[in-house]
Amino acid sequence: MLMQHQKAAYQLYLYLAALFITSLVVSNLIFQKFFYWYPFGEVTIFGAGIFEISVGILPYPVTFLITDLISEVFGRKKANQVVTAGIFASFFSLLIIYVSAAAPATDWSPIGDELFRTVFGRTVLAVLASMLAYLAAQYIDIHIYHFWKNYTKGKHLWLRNNFSTFSSQLIDTMTVLLLLCSFKVIAWERFTGLLIGGVLFKMLIALLDTPFLYFFVYVIRKRFHLERGEEIQLP
């Protein structure tokens, strides 16, 4: 690869990694707010609206889109490196939150200790729960993605994109809900409804992001003159 292409490839990888890490950390910070979306009216599943889910789920699918994109363009090793960096960033953000919560607020502080603990108090649990699910889901996503990539000899991008994401998102959603319900952050009677709603929402997002993956892969292949299935080799 030419020197200018090598430099551009590093920059692209850096930007994708930054988007991935930001999406992951933010999803852990905002998870306590739940929202509703009733595209089919107020249909409920086991006591929960069909899409009554945490706002933390909104940036999270971006991480799977980016790992699929990195897997396709830069290969499995680089995708795993981004996942590892995301783990480090999440635990570092956890440390910052822990220290911030321990520091006493002044009398004139707009945000007092109690409000801060209400908003961020369960973030420690959320990050730990998310990390267990995240470790399993992301590495499984990358593994399944490359299985289908090798099996189809680089063809059928939509197949590996959706099959890998469906499997990993089911594991991720189930693990997080099991841990949050076990620690009584969420009532057990909401488990089934939230699980089904969360998985359906993530599957819908996975289907919707497939055209974006095709577009970005097309642009990158054209920019770096890559053949189908060819990867950019970075040290």
C-alpha atoms as a PDB file:
ATOM      1  CA  MET A   1       0.000   0.000   0.000  1.00  0.00           C
ATOM      2  CA  LEU A   2       1.263   3.482  -0.861  1.00  0.00           C
ATOM      3  CA  MET A   3       2.422   5.667   2.017  1.00  0.00           C
ATOM      4  CA  GLN A   4      -0.431   8.175   1.599  1.00  0.00           C
ATOM      5  CA  HIS A   5      -2.966   5.331   1.543  1.00  0.00           C
ATOM      6  CA  GLN A   6      -1.403   3.823   4.661  1.00  0.00           C
ATOM      7  CA  LYS A   7      -1.729   7.133   6.493  1.00  0.00           C
ATOM      8  CA  ALA A   8      -5.344   7.577   5.378  1.00  0.00           C
ATOM      9  CA  ALA A   9      -6.146   4.011   6.474  1.00  0.00           C
ATOM     10  CA  TYR A  10      -4.739   4.693   9.957  1.00  0.00           C
ATOM     11  CA  GLN A  11      -6.835   7.854  10.214  1.00  0.00           C
ATOM     12  CA  LEU A  12      -9.981   5.995   9.174  1.00  0.00           C
ATOM     13  CA  TYR A  13      -9.310   3.247  11.706  1.00  0.00           C
ATOM     14  CA  LEU A  14      -8.733   5.870  14.417  1.00  0.00           C
ATOM     15  CA  TYR A  15     -12.008   7.669  13.667  1.00  0.00           C
ATOM     16  CA  LEU A  16     -13.990   4.434  13.633  1.00  0.00           C
ATOM     17  CA  ALA A  17     -12.411   3.393  16.931  1.00  0.00           C
ATOM     18  CA  ALA A  18     -13.273   6.783  18.460  1.00  0.00           C
ATOM     19  CA  LEU A  19     -16.917   6.465  17.376  1.00  0.00           C
ATOM     20  CA  PHE A  20     -17.059   2.936  18.754  1.00  0.00           C
ATOM     21  CA  ILE A  21     -15.622   3.840  22.162  1.00  0.00           C
ATOM     22  CA  THR A  22     -17.781   6.969  22.480  1.00  0.00           C
ATOM     23  CA  SER A  23     -20.959   5.021  21.667  1.00  0.00           C
ATOM     24  CA  LEU A  24     -20.079   2.326  24.181  1.00  0.00           C
ATOM     25  CA  VAL A  25     -19.221   4.684  27.061  1.00  0.00           C
ATOM     26  CA  VAL A  26     -22.263   6.913  26.475  1.00  0.00           C
ATOM     27  CA  SER A  27     -24.620   3.923  26.416  1.00  0.00           C
ATOM     28  CA  ASN A  28     -23.406   2.994  29.905  1.00  0.00           C
ATOM     29  CA  LEU A  29     -23.913   6.536  31.234  1.00  0.00           C
ATOM     30  CA  ILE A  30     -27.497   7.131  30.048  1.00  0.00           C
ATOM     31  CA  PHE A  31     -29.023   3.682  30.597  1.00  0.00           C
ATOM     32  CA  GLN A  32     -31.316   4.654  33.530  1.00  0.00           C
ATOM     33  CA  LYS A  33     -33.795   6.542  31.361  1.00  0.00           C
ATOM     34  CA  PHE A  34     -36.341   4.319  29.619  1.00  0.00           C
ATOM     35  CA  PHE A  35     -38.413   5.454  26.661  1.00  0.00           C
ATOM     36  CA  TYR A  36     -41.333   4.054  24.739  1.00  0.00           C
ATOM     37  CA  TRP A  37     -42.092   3.681  21.055  1.00  0.00           C
ATOM     38  CA  TYR A  38     -45.399   2.149  20.010  1.00  0.00           C
ATOM     39  CA  PRO A  39     -45.300   1.662  16.210  1.00  0.00           C
ATOM     40  CA  PHE A  40     -48.154  -0.875  16.485  1.00  0.00           C
ATOM     41  CA  GLY A  41     -50.207   0.963  19.092  1.00  0.00           C
ATOM     42  CA  GLU A  42     -49.970   0.238  22.799  1.00  0.00           C
ATOM     43  CA  VAL A  43     -49.343  -3.478  22.342  1.00  0.00           C
ATOM     44  CA  THR A  44     -47.784  -5.074  25.416  1.00  0.00           C
ATOM     45  CA  ILE A  45     -45.607  -8.162  25.837  1.00  0.00           C
ATOM     46  CA  PHE A  46     -45.691  -9.647  29.333  1.00  0.00           C
ATOM     47  CA  GLY A  47     -46.606  -6.322  30.901  1.00  0.00           C
ATOM     48  CA  ALA A  48     -44.179  -4.162  28.948  1.00  0.00           C
ATOM     49  CA  GLY A  49     -44.839  -2.100  25.835  1.00  0.00           C
ATOM     50  CA  ILE A  50     -43.450  -3.716  22.717  1.00  0.00           C
ATOM     51  CA  PHE A  51     -40.691  -1.119  22.635  1.00  0.00           C
ATOM     52  CA  GLU A  52     -40.166   0.099  26.201  1.00  0.00           C
ATOM     53  CA  ILE A  53     -36.401   0.167  26.367  1.00  0.00           C
ATOM     54  CA  SER A  54     -33.468   2.037  27.858  1.00  0.00           C
ATOM     55  CA  VAL A  55     -32.083   5.018  25.959  1.00  0.00           C
ATOM     56  CA  GLY A  56     -28.730   3.299  26.458  1.00  0.00           C
ATOM     57  CA  ILE A  57     -29.730   1.020  23.608  1.00  0.00           C
ATOM     58  CA  LEU A  58     -29.715   3.901  21.106  1.00  0.00           C
ATOM     59  CA  PRO A  59     -25.937   4.317  20.659  1.00  0.00           C
ATOM     60  CA  TYR A  60     -25.163   0.658  21.316  1.00  0.00           C
ATOM     61  CA  PRO A  61     -26.117  -0.717  17.858  1.00  0.00           C
ATOM     62  CA  VAL A  62     -23.589   1.716  16.410  1.00  0.00           C
ATOM     63  CA  THR A  63     -20.851  -0.350  18.063  1.00  0.00           C
ATOM     64  CA  PHE A  64     -21.917  -3.472  16.178  1.00  0.00           C
ATOM     65  CA  LEU A  65     -22.109  -1.598  12.875  1.00  0.00           C
ATOM     66  CA  ILE A  66     -18.587  -0.279  13.424  1.00  0.00           C
ATOM     67  CA  THR A  67     -17.112  -3.648  14.435  1.00  0.00           C
ATOM     68  CA  ASP A  68     -18.663  -5.209  11.324  1.00  0.00           C
ATOM     69  CA  LEU A  69     -17.217  -2.409   9.203  1.00  0.00           C
ATOM     70  CA  ILE A  70     -13.770  -2.776  10.788  1.00  0.00           C
ATOM     71  CA  SER A  71     -13.979  -6.557  10.414  1.00  0.00           C
ATOM     72  CA  GLU A  72     -14.808  -6.212   6.743  1.00  0.00           C
ATOM     73  CA  VAL A  73     -12.158  -3.615   5.909  1.00  0.00           C
ATOM     74  CA  PHE A  74      -9.345  -4.134   8.437  1.00  0.00           C
ATOM     75  CA  GLY A  75      -9.826  -7.740   9.520  1.00  0.00           C
ATOM     76  CA  ARG A  76     -10.563  -9.687  12.677  1.00  0.00           C
ATOM     77  CA  LYS A  77      -7.433  -8.657  14.591  1.00  0.00           C
ATOM     78  CA  LYS A  78      -8.191  -4.938  14.338  1.00  0.00           C
ATOM     79  CA  ALA A  79     -11.836  -5.484  15.289  1.00  0.00           C
ATOM     80  CA  ASN A  80     -10.766  -7.335  18.429  1.00  0.00           C
ATOM     81  CA  GLN A  81      -8.320  -4.542  19.273  1.00  0.00           C
ATOM     82  CA  VAL A  82     -11.134  -1.975  19.182  1.00  0.00           C
ATOM     83  CA  VAL A  83     -13.263  -4.164  21.459  1.00  0.00           C
ATOM     84  CA  THR A  84     -10.400  -4.397  23.954  1.00  0.00           C
ATOM     85  CA  ALA A  85      -9.899  -0.613  23.833  1.00  0.00           C
ATOM     86  CA  GLY A  86     -13.620  -0.165  24.491  1.00  0.00           C
ATOM     87  CA  ILE A  87     -13.381  -2.320  27.605  1.00  0.00           C
ATOM     88  CA  PHE A  88     -10.488  -0.235  28.916  1.00  0.00           C
ATOM     89  CA  ALA A  89     -12.351   3.029  28.204  1.00  0.00           C
ATOM     90  CA  SER A  90     -15.476   1.791  29.983  1.00  0.00           C
ATOM     91  CA  PHE A  91     -13.628   0.803  33.135  1.00  0.00           C
ATOM     92  CA  PHE A  92     -11.702   4.079  33.095  1.00  0.00           C
ATOM     93  CA  SER A  93     -14.996   6.009  32.879  1.00  0.00           C
ATOM     94  CA  LEU A  94     -16.234   3.895  35.777  1.00  0.00           C
ATOM     95  CA  LEU A  95     -13.228   4.968  37.863  1.00  0.00           C
ATOM     96  CA  ILE A  96     -13.857   8.646  37.073  1.00  0.00           C
ATOM     97  CA  ILE A  97     -17.520   8.336  38.086  1.00  0.00           C
ATOM     98  CA  TYR A  98     -16.581   6.570  41.319  1.00  0.00           C
ATOM     99  CA  VAL A  99     -14.113   9.312  42.276  1.00  0.00           C
ATOM    100  CA  SER A 100     -16.598  12.038  41.300  1.00  0.00           C
ATOM    101  CA  ALA A 101     -19.315  10.487  43.462  1.00  0.00           C
ATOM    102  CA  ALA A 102     -16.936  10.316  46.439  1.00  0.00           C
ATOM    103  CA  ALA A 103     -16.005  14.016  46.185  1.00  0.00           C
ATOM    104  CA  PRO A 104     -18.398  16.071  48.430  1.00  0.00           C
ATOM    105  CA  ALA A 105     -20.475  18.730  46.687  1.00  0.00           C
ATOM    106  CA  THR A 106     -20.348  22.359  47.807  1.00  0.00           C
ATOM    107  CA  ASP A 107     -23.414  24.140  49.195  1.00  0.00           C
ATOM    108  CA  TRP A 108     -23.772  26.172  45.994  1.00  0.00           C
ATOM    109  CA  SER A 109     -23.219  23.290  43.568  1.00  0.00           C
ATOM    110  CA  PRO A 110     -26.085  23.126  40.998  1.00  0.00           C
ATOM    111  CA  ILE A 111     -25.890  19.319  41.236  1.00  0.00           C
ATOM    112  CA  GLY A 112     -25.813  17.969  44.773  1.00  0.00           C
ATOM    113  CA  ASP A 113     -24.547  14.637  46.026  1.00  0.00           C
ATOM    114  CA  GLU A 114     -27.992  13.036  46.178  1.00  0.00           C
ATOM    115  CA  LEU A 115     -28.961  13.978  42.630  1.00  0.00           C
ATOM    116  CA  PHE A 116     -25.566  12.898  41.335  1.00  0.00           C
ATOM    117  CA  ARG A 117     -25.950   9.509  43.006  1.00  0.00           C
ATOM    118  CA  THR A 118     -29.475   9.174  41.620  1.00  0.00           C
ATOM    119  CA  VAL A 119     -28.243   9.727  38.062  1.00  0.00           C
ATOM    120  CA  PHE A 120     -24.906   7.943  38.244  1.00  0.00           C
ATOM    121  CA  GLY A 121     -25.258   5.789  41.356  1.00  0.00           C
ATOM    122  CA  ARG A 122     -26.089   2.658  39.436  1.00  0.00           C
ATOM    123  CA  THR A 123     -23.620   3.327  36.653  1.00  0.00           C
ATOM    124  CA  VAL A 124     -21.054   1.103  38.390  1.00  0.00           C
ATOM    125  CA  LEU A 125     -23.455  -1.835  38.255  1.00  0.00           C
ATOM    126  CA  ALA A 126     -24.493  -0.932  34.718  1.00  0.00           C
ATOM    127  CA  VAL A 127     -20.921  -0.910  33.463  1.00  0.00           C
ATOM    128  CA  LEU A 128     -20.078  -4.201  35.159  1.00  0.00           C
ATOM    129  CA  ALA A 129     -23.236  -5.824  33.789  1.00  0.00           C
ATOM    130  CA  SER A 130     -22.679  -4.313  30.389  1.00  0.00           C
ATOM    131  CA  MET A 131     -19.055  -5.430  30.290  1.00  0.00           C
ATOM    132  CA  LEU A 132     -19.931  -9.063  30.927  1.00  0.00           C
ATOM    133  CA  ALA A 133     -22.526  -8.952  28.174  1.00  0.00           C
ATOM    134  CA  TYR A 134     -20.326  -6.849  25.968  1.00  0.00           C
ATOM    135  CA  LEU A 135     -17.349  -9.196  26.203  1.00  0.00           C
ATOM    136  CA  ALA A 136     -19.460 -12.148  25.141  1.00  0.00           C
ATOM    137  CA  ALA A 137     -21.524 -10.337  22.502  1.00  0.00           C
ATOM    138  CA  GLN A 138     -18.794  -8.408  20.696  1.00  0.00           C
ATOM    139  CA  TYR A 139     -16.321 -11.264  20.418  1.00  0.00           C
ATOM    140  CA  ILE A 140     -19.107 -13.606  19.304  1.00  0.00           C
ATOM    141  CA  ASP A 141     -20.230 -11.009  16.752  1.00  0.00           C
ATOM    142  CA  ILE A 142     -16.717 -10.780  15.284  1.00  0.00           C
ATOM    143  CA  HIS A 143     -16.272 -14.571  15.302  1.00  0.00           C
ATOM    144  CA  ILE A 144     -19.592 -15.252  13.547  1.00  0.00           C
ATOM    145  CA  TYR A 145     -18.982 -12.413  11.090  1.00  0.00           C
ATOM    146  CA  HIS A 146     -15.676 -13.899   9.941  1.00  0.00           C
ATOM    147  CA  PHE A 147     -17.111 -17.414   9.889  1.00  0.00           C
ATOM    148  CA  TRP A 148     -19.702 -16.328   7.336  1.00  0.00           C
ATOM    149  CA  LYS A 149     -17.177 -14.178   5.476  1.00  0.00           C
ATOM    150  CA  ASN A 150     -14.872 -17.164   5.022  1.00  0.00           C
ATOM    151  CA  TYR A 151     -17.740 -19.564   4.296  1.00  0.00           C
ATOM    152  CA  THR A 152     -19.194 -17.347   1.543  1.00  0.00           C
ATOM    153  CA  LYS A 153     -15.725 -16.360   0.262  1.00  0.00           C
ATOM    154  CA  GLY A 154     -16.405 -12.676   0.840  1.00  0.00           C
ATOM    155  CA  LYS A 155     -19.843 -12.704  -0.811  1.00  0.00           C
ATOM    156  CA  HIS A 156     -23.242 -11.838   0.712  1.00  0.00           C
ATOM    157  CA  LEU A 157     -22.273  -8.987   3.017  1.00  0.00           C
ATOM    158  CA  TRP A 158     -25.882  -8.708   4.243  1.00  0.00           C
ATOM    159  CA  LEU A 159     -25.778 -12.296   5.491  1.00  0.00           C
ATOM    160  CA  ARG A 160     -22.771 -11.971   7.785  1.00  0.00           C
ATOM    161  CA  ASN A 161     -23.834  -8.498   8.915  1.00  0.00           C
ATOM    162  CA  ASN A 162     -27.268  -9.589  10.096  1.00  0.00           C
ATOM    163  CA  PHE A 163     -26.535 -13.129  11.298  1.00  0.00           C
ATOM    164  CA  SER A 164     -23.621 -12.011  13.448  1.00  0.00           C
ATOM    165  CA  THR A 165     -25.560  -9.077  14.915  1.00  0.00           C
ATOM    166  CA  PHE A 166     -28.746 -11.057  15.632  1.00  0.00           C
ATOM    167  CA  SER A 167     -26.845 -13.702  17.610  1.00  0.00           C
ATOM    168  CA  SER A 168     -24.661 -11.290  19.563  1.00  0.00           C
ATOM    169  CA  GLN A 169     -27.487  -8.873  20.390  1.00  0.00           C
ATOM    170  CA  LEU A 170     -29.610 -11.678  21.834  1.00  0.00           C
ATOM    171  CA  ILE A 171     -26.742 -12.697  24.128  1.00  0.00           C
ATOM    172  CA  ASP A 172     -26.052  -9.072  25.072  1.00  0.00           C
ATOM    173  CA  THR A 173     -29.660  -8.192  25.907  1.00  0.00           C
ATOM    174  CA  MET A 174     -30.318 -11.356  27.890  1.00  0.00           C
ATOM    175  CA  THR A 175     -27.112 -11.074  29.934  1.00  0.00           C
ATOM    176  CA  VAL A 176     -27.655  -7.421  30.859  1.00  0.00           C
ATOM    177  CA  LEU A 177     -31.281  -7.984  31.892  1.00  0.00           C
ATOM    178  CA  LEU A 178     -30.390 -11.069  33.936  1.00  0.00           C
ATOM    179  CA  LEU A 179     -27.779  -9.119  35.872  1.00  0.00           C
ATOM    180  CA  LEU A 180     -29.926  -5.994  36.354  1.00  0.00           C
ATOM    181  CA  CYS A 181     -32.888  -8.069  37.540  1.00  0.00           C
ATOM    182  CA  SER A 182     -30.647 -10.130  39.837  1.00  0.00           C
ATOM    183  CA  PHE A 183     -29.411  -6.935  41.511  1.00  0.00           C
ATOM    184  CA  LYS A 184     -33.018  -5.633  41.696  1.00  0.00           C
ATOM    185  CA  VAL A 185     -32.391  -2.656  39.442  1.00  0.00           C
ATOM    186  CA  ILE A 186     -35.323  -3.883  37.324  1.00  0.00           C
ATOM    187  CA  ALA A 187     -38.258  -5.984  38.566  1.00  0.00           C
ATOM    188  CA  TRP A 188     -38.271  -9.610  37.375  1.00  0.00           C
ATOM    189  CA  GLU A 189     -41.824  -9.334  36.035  1.00  0.00           C
ATOM    190  CA  ARG A 190     -40.501  -6.954  33.379  1.00  0.00           C
ATOM    191  CA  PHE A 191     -37.722  -9.301  32.268  1.00  0.00           C
ATOM    192  CA  THR A 192     -39.523 -11.169  29.472  1.00  0.00           C
ATOM    193  CA  GLY A 193     -41.183  -8.104  27.996  1.00  0.00           C
ATOM    194  CA  LEU A 194     -37.969  -6.087  28.034  1.00  0.00           C
ATOM    195  CA  LEU A 195     -36.024  -8.998  26.559  1.00  0.00           C
ATOM    196  CA  ILE A 196     -38.387  -9.483  23.636  1.00  0.00           C
ATOM    197  CA  GLY A 197     -38.773  -5.754  23.034  1.00  0.00           C
ATOM    198  CA  GLY A 198     -35.025  -5.147  23.261  1.00  0.00           C
ATOM    199  CA  VAL A 199     -34.130  -7.994  20.895  1.00  0.00           C
ATOM    200  CA  LEU A 200     -36.807  -6.997  18.364  1.00  0.00           C
ATOM    201  CA  PHE A 201     -35.621  -3.389  18.451  1.00  0.00           C
ATOM    202  CA  LYS A 202     -31.986  -4.390  17.954  1.00  0.00           C
ATOM    203  CA  MET A 203     -32.894  -6.747  15.105  1.00  0.00           C
ATOM    204  CA  LEU A 204     -34.821  -3.945  13.442  1.00  0.00           C
ATOM    205  CA  ILE A 205     -31.834  -1.623  13.781  1.00  0.00           C
ATOM    206  CA  ALA A 206     -29.534  -4.335  12.407  1.00  0.00           C
ATOM    207  CA  LEU A 207     -31.729  -4.650   9.319  1.00  0.00           C
ATOM    208  CA  LEU A 208     -31.839  -0.892   8.883  1.00  0.00           C
ATOM    209  CA  ASP A 209     -28.081  -0.455   9.191  1.00  0.00           C
ATOM    210  CA  THR A 210     -27.306  -2.995   6.436  1.00  0.00           C
ATOM    211  CA  PRO A 211     -27.620  -0.415   3.598  1.00  0.00           C
ATOM    212  CA  PHE A 212     -25.255   1.880   5.532  1.00  0.00           C
ATOM    213  CA  LEU A 213     -22.723  -0.939   5.864  1.00  0.00           C
ATOM    214  CA  TYR A 214     -22.927  -1.604   2.119  1.00  0.00           C
ATOM    215  CA  PHE A 215     -22.463   2.103   1.403  1.00  0.00           C
ATOM    216  CA  PHE A 216     -19.460   2.567   3.709  1.00  0.00           C
ATOM    217  CA  VAL A 217     -17.788  -0.629   2.503  1.00  0.00           C
ATOM    218  CA  TYR A 218     -18.293   0.461  -1.116  1.00  0.00           C
ATOM    219  CA  VAL A 219     -16.797   3.915  -0.446  1.00  0.00           C
ATOM    220  CA  ILE A 220     -13.810   2.513   1.447  1.00  0.00           C
ATOM    221  CA  ARG A 221     -13.087  -0.175  -1.143  1.00  0.00           C
ATOM    222  CA  LYS A 222     -13.208   2.430  -3.891  1.00  0.00           C
ATOM    223  CA  ARG A 223     -10.980   4.814  -1.918  1.00  0.00           C
ATOM    224  CA  PHE A 224      -8.317   2.186  -1.210  1.00  0.00           C
ATOM    225  CA  HIS A 225      -8.759   0.132  -4.421  1.00  0.00           C
ATOM    226  CA  LEU A 226      -9.752  -3.051  -2.575  1.00  0.00           C
ATOM    227  CA  GLU A 227     -11.132  -6.165  -4.199  1.00  0.00           C
ATOM    228  CA  ARG A 228     -14.117  -7.955  -2.685  1.00  0.00           C
ATOM    229  CA  GLY A 229     -12.977  -9.735   0.469  1.00  0.00           C
ATOM    230  CA  GLU A 230      -9.624  -7.943   0.510  1.00  0.00           C
ATOM    231  CA  GLU A 231      -8.587  -6.309   3.794  1.00  0.00           C
ATOM    232  CA  ILE A 232      -6.313  -3.390   4.639  1.00  0.00           C
ATOM    233  CA  GLN A 233      -3.347  -4.731   6.545  1.00  0.00           C
ATOM    234  CA  LEU A 234      -2.317  -2.513   9.458  1.00  0.00           C
ATOM    235  CA  PRO A 235       0.339  -3.527  12.004  1.00  0.00           C
END
